[in-house]
């Protein structure tokens, strides 16, 4: 996988590639499971991106999985953060407006790795 500002990085480990992209999401921005999957060349693997992020808490490094939501801006992964409000609190701390588990300013905050990293 190509990481900007670094040498070409190739990995056959899909989960690691998901983590690498997720770590590049800027503070105050969000992306979707599908956007990450498309960037990795696996457009139909949004669910696998979710599975990878569901277990990222077992990693030694911090993975900002709270910045990844579904294609409509819904906090569908919130139950994987210990309690139902942690994901919302983390996003609100970054200035993202949320109502009823949905990002209200989703289009303004959306970060597309296919556009930003190529």
N, C-alpha and C. Protein backbone atom coordinates (compact mmCIF):
# COMPACT_ATOMS: atom_id res chain seq x y z
N UNK A 1 0.84 -1.18 0.00
CA UNK A 1 0.00 0.00 0.00
C UNK A 1 0.88 1.24 0.00
N UNK A 2 0.45 2.27 -0.70
CA UNK A 2 1.22 3.50 -0.79
C UNK A 2 0.82 4.44 0.33
N UNK A 3 1.78 4.80 1.16
CA UNK A 3 1.56 5.76 2.24
C UNK A 3 2.31 7.04 1.86
N UNK A 4 1.59 8.17 1.75
CA UNK A 4 2.25 9.42 1.36
C UNK A 4 3.40 9.77 2.29
N UNK A 5 4.50 10.22 1.71
CA UNK A 5 5.65 10.65 2.50
C UNK A 5 6.51 9.51 3.01
N UNK A 6 6.15 8.29 2.63
CA UNK A 6 6.93 7.13 3.06
C UNK A 6 7.29 6.29 1.83
N UNK A 7 8.22 5.40 1.99
CA UNK A 7 8.55 4.49 0.91
C UNK A 7 7.35 3.59 0.65
N UNK A 8 7.32 3.03 -0.56
CA UNK A 8 6.24 2.11 -0.92
C UNK A 8 6.14 1.01 0.14
N UNK A 9 4.94 0.80 0.61
CA UNK A 9 4.71 -0.19 1.65
C UNK A 9 3.78 -1.25 1.08
N UNK A 10 4.23 -2.47 1.02
CA UNK A 10 3.40 -3.53 0.47
C UNK A 10 3.10 -4.53 1.57
N UNK A 11 1.83 -4.85 1.68
CA UNK A 11 1.44 -5.82 2.68
C UNK A 11 0.28 -6.63 2.12
N UNK A 12 0.32 -7.90 2.35
CA UNK A 12 -0.80 -8.76 1.97
C UNK A 12 -1.78 -8.89 3.11
N UNK A 13 -1.51 -8.24 4.22
CA UNK A 13 -2.37 -8.31 5.40
C UNK A 13 -3.44 -7.22 5.30
N UNK A 14 -4.64 -7.62 4.91
CA UNK A 14 -5.73 -6.66 4.71
C UNK A 14 -6.00 -5.85 5.97
N UNK A 15 -6.05 -6.51 7.13
CA UNK A 15 -6.32 -5.80 8.37
C UNK A 15 -5.25 -4.73 8.63
N UNK A 16 -3.98 -5.07 8.42
CA UNK A 16 -2.91 -4.09 8.62
C UNK A 16 -3.06 -2.92 7.67
N UNK A 17 -3.43 -3.19 6.43
CA UNK A 17 -3.65 -2.11 5.46
C UNK A 17 -4.80 -1.21 5.92
N UNK A 18 -5.86 -1.80 6.47
CA UNK A 18 -6.97 -1.00 7.02
C UNK A 18 -6.45 -0.11 8.13
N UNK A 19 -5.65 -0.66 9.03
CA UNK A 19 -5.11 0.13 10.14
C UNK A 19 -4.22 1.26 9.64
N UNK A 20 -3.41 0.97 8.63
CA UNK A 20 -2.52 2.01 8.08
C UNK A 20 -3.32 3.18 7.52
N UNK A 21 -4.37 2.89 6.77
CA UNK A 21 -5.20 3.96 6.20
C UNK A 21 -5.95 4.69 7.31
N UNK A 22 -6.50 3.96 8.25
CA UNK A 22 -7.26 4.57 9.34
C UNK A 22 -6.39 5.54 10.14
N UNK A 23 -5.14 5.21 10.32
CA UNK A 23 -4.23 6.10 11.06
C UNK A 23 -3.94 7.40 10.30
N UNK A 24 -4.25 7.45 9.03
CA UNK A 24 -4.02 8.66 8.23
C UNK A 24 -5.21 9.61 8.23
N UNK A 25 -6.34 9.19 8.76
CA UNK A 25 -7.52 10.06 8.78
C UNK A 25 -7.20 11.24 9.69
N UNK A 26 -7.29 12.45 9.15
CA UNK A 26 -6.95 13.62 9.97
C UNK A 26 -7.93 13.85 11.12
N UNK A 27 -7.42 14.46 12.16
CA UNK A 27 -8.22 14.87 13.30
C UNK A 27 -9.39 15.73 12.80
N UNK A 28 -10.59 15.45 13.29
CA UNK A 28 -11.76 16.23 12.90
C UNK A 28 -12.39 15.82 11.59
N UNK A 29 -11.91 14.74 11.01
CA UNK A 29 -12.45 14.24 9.75
C UNK A 29 -12.91 12.80 9.95
N UNK A 30 -13.77 12.32 9.08
CA UNK A 30 -14.26 10.94 9.13
C UNK A 30 -14.26 10.35 7.73
N UNK A 31 -14.29 9.04 7.68
CA UNK A 31 -14.43 8.34 6.41
C UNK A 31 -15.38 7.17 6.63
N UNK A 32 -15.60 6.41 5.57
CA UNK A 32 -16.51 5.27 5.68
C UNK A 32 -15.75 3.97 5.47
N UNK A 33 -16.39 2.89 5.90
CA UNK A 33 -15.82 1.56 5.71
C UNK A 33 -15.61 1.31 4.21
N UNK A 34 -16.59 1.69 3.41
CA UNK A 34 -16.51 1.48 1.96
C UNK A 34 -15.42 2.30 1.31
N UNK A 35 -15.20 3.53 1.77
CA UNK A 35 -14.15 4.37 1.20
C UNK A 35 -12.78 3.74 1.44
N UNK A 36 -12.58 3.18 2.62
CA UNK A 36 -11.31 2.49 2.90
C UNK A 36 -11.18 1.26 2.02
N UNK A 37 -12.24 0.48 1.90
CA UNK A 37 -12.22 -0.72 1.07
C UNK A 37 -11.90 -0.38 -0.38
N UNK A 38 -12.52 0.66 -0.92
CA UNK A 38 -12.27 1.08 -2.30
C UNK A 38 -10.81 1.51 -2.48
N UNK A 39 -10.29 2.26 -1.51
CA UNK A 39 -8.90 2.70 -1.59
C UNK A 39 -7.95 1.51 -1.62
N UNK A 40 -8.30 0.47 -0.89
CA UNK A 40 -7.45 -0.72 -0.83
C UNK A 40 -7.67 -1.66 -2.01
N UNK A 41 -8.56 -1.26 -2.93
CA UNK A 41 -8.81 -2.08 -4.12
C UNK A 41 -9.76 -3.23 -3.89
N UNK A 42 -10.52 -3.15 -2.82
CA UNK A 42 -11.48 -4.20 -2.46
C UNK A 42 -12.84 -3.57 -2.20
N UNK A 43 -13.38 -2.91 -3.20
CA UNK A 43 -14.61 -2.13 -3.06
C UNK A 43 -15.78 -2.83 -2.41
N UNK A 44 -15.84 -4.13 -2.50
CA UNK A 44 -16.95 -4.87 -1.90
C UNK A 44 -16.60 -5.43 -0.52
N UNK A 45 -15.56 -4.91 0.08
CA UNK A 45 -15.10 -5.44 1.36
C UNK A 45 -15.30 -4.49 2.53
N UNK A 46 -16.31 -3.63 2.44
CA UNK A 46 -16.58 -2.69 3.54
C UNK A 46 -16.82 -3.43 4.85
N UNK A 47 -17.50 -4.55 4.79
CA UNK A 47 -17.76 -5.32 6.01
C UNK A 47 -16.46 -5.83 6.62
N UNK A 48 -15.51 -6.24 5.77
CA UNK A 48 -14.22 -6.70 6.29
C UNK A 48 -13.45 -5.56 6.95
N UNK A 49 -13.59 -4.35 6.42
CA UNK A 49 -12.97 -3.18 7.06
C UNK A 49 -13.55 -3.04 8.46
N UNK A 50 -14.86 -3.19 8.57
CA UNK A 50 -15.51 -3.13 9.88
C UNK A 50 -14.99 -4.20 10.83
N UNK A 51 -14.83 -5.40 10.32
CA UNK A 51 -14.31 -6.49 11.17
C UNK A 51 -12.91 -6.15 11.66
N UNK A 52 -12.08 -5.61 10.78
CA UNK A 52 -10.72 -5.24 11.18
C UNK A 52 -10.76 -4.19 12.29
N UNK A 53 -11.61 -3.19 12.12
CA UNK A 53 -11.67 -2.12 13.12
C UNK A 53 -12.31 -2.58 14.42
N UNK A 54 -13.17 -3.58 14.36
CA UNK A 54 -13.79 -4.11 15.58
C UNK A 54 -12.78 -4.75 16.52
N UNK A 55 -11.67 -5.21 15.97
CA UNK A 55 -10.66 -5.87 16.81
C UNK A 55 -9.38 -5.04 16.97
N UNK A 56 -9.38 -3.81 16.46
CA UNK A 56 -8.14 -3.02 16.51
C UNK A 56 -7.75 -2.63 17.93
N UNK A 57 -8.68 -2.70 18.88
CA UNK A 57 -8.34 -2.36 20.26
C UNK A 57 -7.33 -3.33 20.86
N UNK A 58 -7.10 -4.47 20.20
CA UNK A 58 -6.12 -5.43 20.69
C UNK A 58 -4.71 -5.09 20.21
N UNK A 59 -4.58 -4.09 19.37
CA UNK A 59 -3.29 -3.67 18.82
C UNK A 59 -2.55 -2.81 19.85
N UNK A 60 -1.22 -2.85 19.84
CA UNK A 60 -0.48 -2.03 20.79
C UNK A 60 -0.53 -0.54 20.48
N UNK A 61 -0.68 -0.18 19.19
CA UNK A 61 -0.72 1.23 18.80
C UNK A 61 -2.18 1.71 18.74
N UNK A 62 -2.35 3.02 18.85
CA UNK A 62 -3.68 3.61 18.79
C UNK A 62 -4.15 3.66 17.33
N UNK A 63 -5.32 3.13 17.08
CA UNK A 63 -5.96 3.19 15.76
C UNK A 63 -7.22 4.04 15.93
N UNK A 64 -7.35 5.17 15.26
CA UNK A 64 -8.52 6.05 15.45
C UNK A 64 -9.78 5.52 14.74
N UNK A 65 -10.20 4.34 15.14
CA UNK A 65 -11.36 3.67 14.52
C UNK A 65 -12.65 4.47 14.69
N UNK A 66 -12.69 5.36 15.66
CA UNK A 66 -13.89 6.18 15.87
C UNK A 66 -14.15 7.10 14.69
N UNK A 67 -13.16 7.30 13.84
CA UNK A 67 -13.30 8.19 12.68
C UNK A 67 -13.85 7.46 11.45
N UNK A 68 -14.22 6.20 11.60
CA UNK A 68 -14.77 5.43 10.49
C UNK A 68 -16.23 5.09 10.80
N UNK A 69 -17.10 5.49 9.90
CA UNK A 69 -18.55 5.31 10.09
C UNK A 69 -19.14 4.68 8.82
N UNK A 70 -20.45 4.46 8.82
CA UNK A 70 -21.02 3.88 7.61
C UNK A 70 -21.22 4.95 6.54
N UNK A 71 -21.64 4.55 5.37
CA UNK A 71 -21.72 5.47 4.21
C UNK A 71 -22.69 6.61 4.39
N UNK A 72 -23.58 6.50 5.38
CA UNK A 72 -24.55 7.55 5.65
C UNK A 72 -24.16 8.43 6.84
N UNK A 73 -22.99 8.16 7.41
CA UNK A 73 -22.54 8.93 8.56
C UNK A 73 -23.08 8.42 9.89
N UNK A 74 -23.60 7.20 9.90
CA UNK A 74 -24.12 6.62 11.15
C UNK A 74 -23.00 5.95 11.94
N UNK A 75 -23.07 6.07 13.25
CA UNK A 75 -22.07 5.47 14.14
C UNK A 75 -22.40 4.00 14.37
N UNK A 76 -22.31 3.21 13.33
CA UNK A 76 -22.71 1.80 13.42
C UNK A 76 -21.75 0.96 14.25
N UNK A 77 -20.52 1.41 14.43
CA UNK A 77 -19.54 0.64 15.20
C UNK A 77 -19.46 1.03 16.66
N UNK A 78 -20.39 1.83 17.13
CA UNK A 78 -20.29 2.40 18.48
C UNK A 78 -20.23 1.35 19.59
N UNK A 79 -20.83 0.22 19.41
CA UNK A 79 -20.86 -0.79 20.47
C UNK A 79 -19.49 -1.43 20.72
N UNK A 80 -18.55 -1.21 19.83
CA UNK A 80 -17.21 -1.78 19.97
C UNK A 80 -16.25 -0.86 20.72
N UNK A 81 -16.77 0.20 21.32
CA UNK A 81 -15.94 1.16 22.04
C UNK A 81 -16.12 1.11 23.55
N UNK A 82 -16.61 0.01 24.06
CA UNK A 82 -16.76 -0.13 25.51
C UNK A 82 -18.13 0.24 26.01
N UNK A 83 -18.67 1.37 25.57
CA UNK A 83 -20.05 1.72 25.88
C UNK A 83 -20.62 2.48 24.69
N UNK A 84 -21.90 2.71 24.70
CA UNK A 84 -22.56 3.26 23.52
C UNK A 84 -22.29 4.74 23.27
N UNK A 85 -21.64 5.44 24.20
CA UNK A 85 -21.41 6.87 23.98
C UNK A 85 -19.95 7.25 23.72
N UNK A 86 -19.03 6.32 23.86
CA UNK A 86 -17.61 6.65 23.70
C UNK A 86 -17.28 7.14 22.30
N UNK A 87 -17.76 6.45 21.28
CA UNK A 87 -17.47 6.86 19.91
C UNK A 87 -18.01 8.26 19.65
N UNK A 88 -19.21 8.52 20.08
CA UNK A 88 -19.83 9.84 19.91
C UNK A 88 -19.00 10.91 20.63
N UNK A 89 -18.59 10.62 21.85
CA UNK A 89 -17.80 11.59 22.62
C UNK A 89 -16.46 11.90 21.94
N UNK A 90 -15.80 10.86 21.43
CA UNK A 90 -14.52 11.06 20.75
C UNK A 90 -14.69 11.94 19.51
N UNK A 91 -15.75 11.70 18.74
CA UNK A 91 -15.99 12.51 17.55
C UNK A 91 -16.38 13.94 17.90
N UNK A 92 -17.23 14.09 18.90
CA UNK A 92 -17.63 15.44 19.31
C UNK A 92 -16.44 16.22 19.84
N UNK A 93 -15.49 15.55 20.50
CA UNK A 93 -14.27 16.21 20.96
C UNK A 93 -13.45 16.76 19.80
N UNK A 94 -13.66 16.20 18.61
CA UNK A 94 -12.95 16.66 17.41
C UNK A 94 -13.79 17.66 16.61
N UNK A 95 -14.91 18.10 17.17
CA UNK A 95 -15.73 19.12 16.53
C UNK A 95 -16.79 18.61 15.58
N UNK A 96 -17.03 17.32 15.59
CA UNK A 96 -18.03 16.73 14.70
C UNK A 96 -19.39 16.77 15.39
N UNK A 97 -20.40 17.22 14.67
CA UNK A 97 -21.74 17.38 15.22
C UNK A 97 -22.54 16.10 14.98
N UNK A 98 -23.07 15.53 16.06
CA UNK A 98 -23.79 14.26 15.99
C UNK A 98 -25.16 14.42 16.63
N UNK A 99 -26.15 13.87 15.96
CA UNK A 99 -27.51 13.84 16.49
C UNK A 99 -28.10 12.47 16.19
N UNK A 100 -28.60 11.82 17.22
CA UNK A 100 -29.22 10.51 17.06
C UNK A 100 -28.28 9.53 16.34
N UNK A 101 -27.02 9.52 16.78
CA UNK A 101 -25.97 8.64 16.24
C UNK A 101 -25.67 8.87 14.76
N UNK A 102 -25.94 10.06 14.25
CA UNK A 102 -25.67 10.39 12.86
C UNK A 102 -24.87 11.70 12.80
N UNK A 103 -23.82 11.71 11.98
CA UNK A 103 -23.01 12.91 11.81
C UNK A 103 -23.79 13.89 10.94
N UNK A 104 -24.12 15.05 11.49
CA UNK A 104 -24.92 16.03 10.77
C UNK A 104 -24.13 16.73 9.67
N UNK A 105 -22.87 17.00 9.92
CA UNK A 105 -22.05 17.68 8.92
C UNK A 105 -21.14 16.66 8.20
N UNK A 106 -21.72 15.52 7.87
CA UNK A 106 -20.96 14.41 7.29
C UNK A 106 -20.24 14.79 6.00
N UNK A 107 -20.93 15.42 5.07
CA UNK A 107 -20.30 15.75 3.79
C UNK A 107 -19.15 16.75 3.97
N UNK A 108 -19.25 17.64 4.94
CA UNK A 108 -18.18 18.60 5.21
C UNK A 108 -16.97 17.93 5.83
N UNK A 109 -17.20 16.91 6.63
CA UNK A 109 -16.12 16.24 7.37
C UNK A 109 -15.58 14.99 6.69
N UNK A 110 -16.22 14.58 5.58
CA UNK A 110 -15.84 13.33 4.93
C UNK A 110 -14.45 13.44 4.32
N UNK A 111 -13.63 12.45 4.58
CA UNK A 111 -12.26 12.34 4.06
C UNK A 111 -12.21 11.10 3.19
N UNK A 112 -11.94 11.27 1.92
CA UNK A 112 -11.91 10.15 0.98
C UNK A 112 -10.45 9.80 0.69
N UNK A 113 -9.98 8.65 1.18
CA UNK A 113 -8.58 8.30 0.98
C UNK A 113 -8.20 8.17 -0.50
N UNK A 114 -9.14 7.79 -1.35
CA UNK A 114 -8.84 7.68 -2.78
C UNK A 114 -8.51 9.02 -3.41
N UNK A 115 -9.07 10.09 -2.86
CA UNK A 115 -8.77 11.44 -3.37
C UNK A 115 -7.61 12.07 -2.62
N UNK A 116 -7.56 11.85 -1.32
CA UNK A 116 -6.56 12.52 -0.48
C UNK A 116 -5.18 11.87 -0.53
N UNK A 117 -5.12 10.58 -0.80
CA UNK A 117 -3.84 9.88 -0.73
C UNK A 117 -3.25 9.55 -2.09
N UNK A 118 -3.93 9.85 -3.16
CA UNK A 118 -3.39 9.55 -4.50
C UNK A 118 -2.86 10.77 -5.18
